[in-house]
């Protein structure tokens, strides 16, 4: 990952309770809504998403696309 700030934000989303889901040929960031395992509520997730992920949306989408290409290449090997 070229952008250190985006890397920290993605790591924070994972630590706070988000996972990656493969859907329609792309990875998507999906929250776990469970106070024991992830975000306390949908509202907590939306606040996190709006504050941290949306400002870096273009970079994050680009990284997720690169990850998809890399994973497809590894699957083909």
Protein backbone atom coordinates (compact mmCIF):
# COMPACT_ATOMS: atom_id res chain seq x y z
CA UNK A 1 0.00 0.00 0.00
CA UNK A 2 1.50 3.30 -1.09
CA UNK A 3 -0.46 5.65 1.16
CA UNK A 4 0.39 5.19 4.83
CA UNK A 5 -2.71 7.07 6.05
CA UNK A 6 -5.04 4.85 4.02
CA UNK A 7 -3.25 1.80 5.37
CA UNK A 8 -3.83 2.94 8.94
CA UNK A 9 -7.51 3.64 8.23
CA UNK A 10 -8.01 0.20 6.68
CA UNK A 11 -6.24 -1.43 9.61
CA UNK A 12 -8.42 0.53 12.06
CA UNK A 13 -11.57 -0.60 10.26
CA UNK A 14 -10.42 -4.22 10.54
CA UNK A 15 -9.55 -3.81 14.22
CA UNK A 16 -12.89 -2.14 14.92
CA UNK A 17 -14.81 -5.00 13.34
CA UNK A 18 -14.94 -4.82 9.57
CA UNK A 19 -14.13 -7.66 7.22
CA UNK A 20 -13.61 -8.05 3.49
CA UNK A 21 -16.28 -9.83 1.48
CA UNK A 22 -15.88 -10.97 -2.13
CA UNK A 23 -18.97 -10.03 -4.15
CA UNK A 24 -19.51 -9.39 -7.87
CA UNK A 25 -15.82 -9.66 -8.70
CA UNK A 26 -14.62 -7.20 -6.06
CA UNK A 27 -13.81 -6.98 -2.37
CA UNK A 28 -16.12 -4.91 -0.17
CA UNK A 29 -15.59 -3.68 3.38
CA UNK A 30 -18.41 -5.09 5.50
CA UNK A 31 -19.00 -4.34 9.17
CA UNK A 32 -19.64 -6.86 11.90
CA UNK A 33 -22.44 -5.39 13.97
CA UNK A 34 -21.99 -7.02 17.36
CA UNK A 35 -20.74 -5.23 20.48
CA UNK A 36 -18.53 -8.21 21.38
CA UNK A 37 -16.98 -8.68 17.94
CA UNK A 38 -17.23 -5.42 16.06
CA UNK A 39 -19.21 -2.22 15.86
CA UNK A 40 -21.81 -1.62 18.55
CA UNK A 41 -24.51 -0.64 16.05
CA UNK A 42 -25.24 0.30 12.45
CA UNK A 43 -25.02 3.93 13.57
CA UNK A 44 -21.48 3.40 14.93
CA UNK A 45 -20.51 1.79 11.63
CA UNK A 46 -22.02 4.64 9.58
CA UNK A 47 -20.21 7.24 11.69
CA UNK A 48 -16.89 5.41 11.30
CA UNK A 49 -17.47 4.97 7.56
CA UNK A 50 -18.35 8.61 6.97
CA UNK A 51 -15.52 9.98 9.10
CA UNK A 52 -12.67 7.68 8.05
CA UNK A 53 -13.43 5.62 4.95
CA UNK A 54 -15.41 7.95 2.71
CA UNK A 55 -12.75 10.71 2.59
CA UNK A 56 -10.33 8.09 1.20
CA UNK A 57 -12.88 6.28 -0.97
CA UNK A 58 -10.94 6.54 -4.24
CA UNK A 59 -7.72 5.25 -2.68
CA UNK A 60 -9.50 2.43 -0.86
CA UNK A 61 -11.37 1.32 -3.99
CA UNK A 62 -8.09 1.34 -5.89
CA UNK A 63 -6.41 -0.82 -3.22
CA UNK A 64 -9.31 -3.27 -3.14
CA UNK A 65 -9.15 -3.59 -6.94
CA UNK A 66 -5.40 -4.27 -6.76
CA UNK A 67 -6.01 -6.88 -4.07
CA UNK A 68 -8.62 -8.58 -6.27
CA UNK A 69 -6.21 -8.72 -9.20
CA UNK A 70 -3.43 -10.07 -6.99
CA UNK A 71 -5.69 -12.74 -5.47
CA UNK A 72 -6.94 -13.81 -8.92
CA UNK A 73 -3.33 -14.12 -10.06
CA UNK A 74 -2.46 -16.28 -7.07
CA UNK A 75 -5.52 -18.45 -7.64
CA UNK A 76 -4.42 -19.03 -11.23
CA UNK A 77 -0.90 -20.09 -10.15
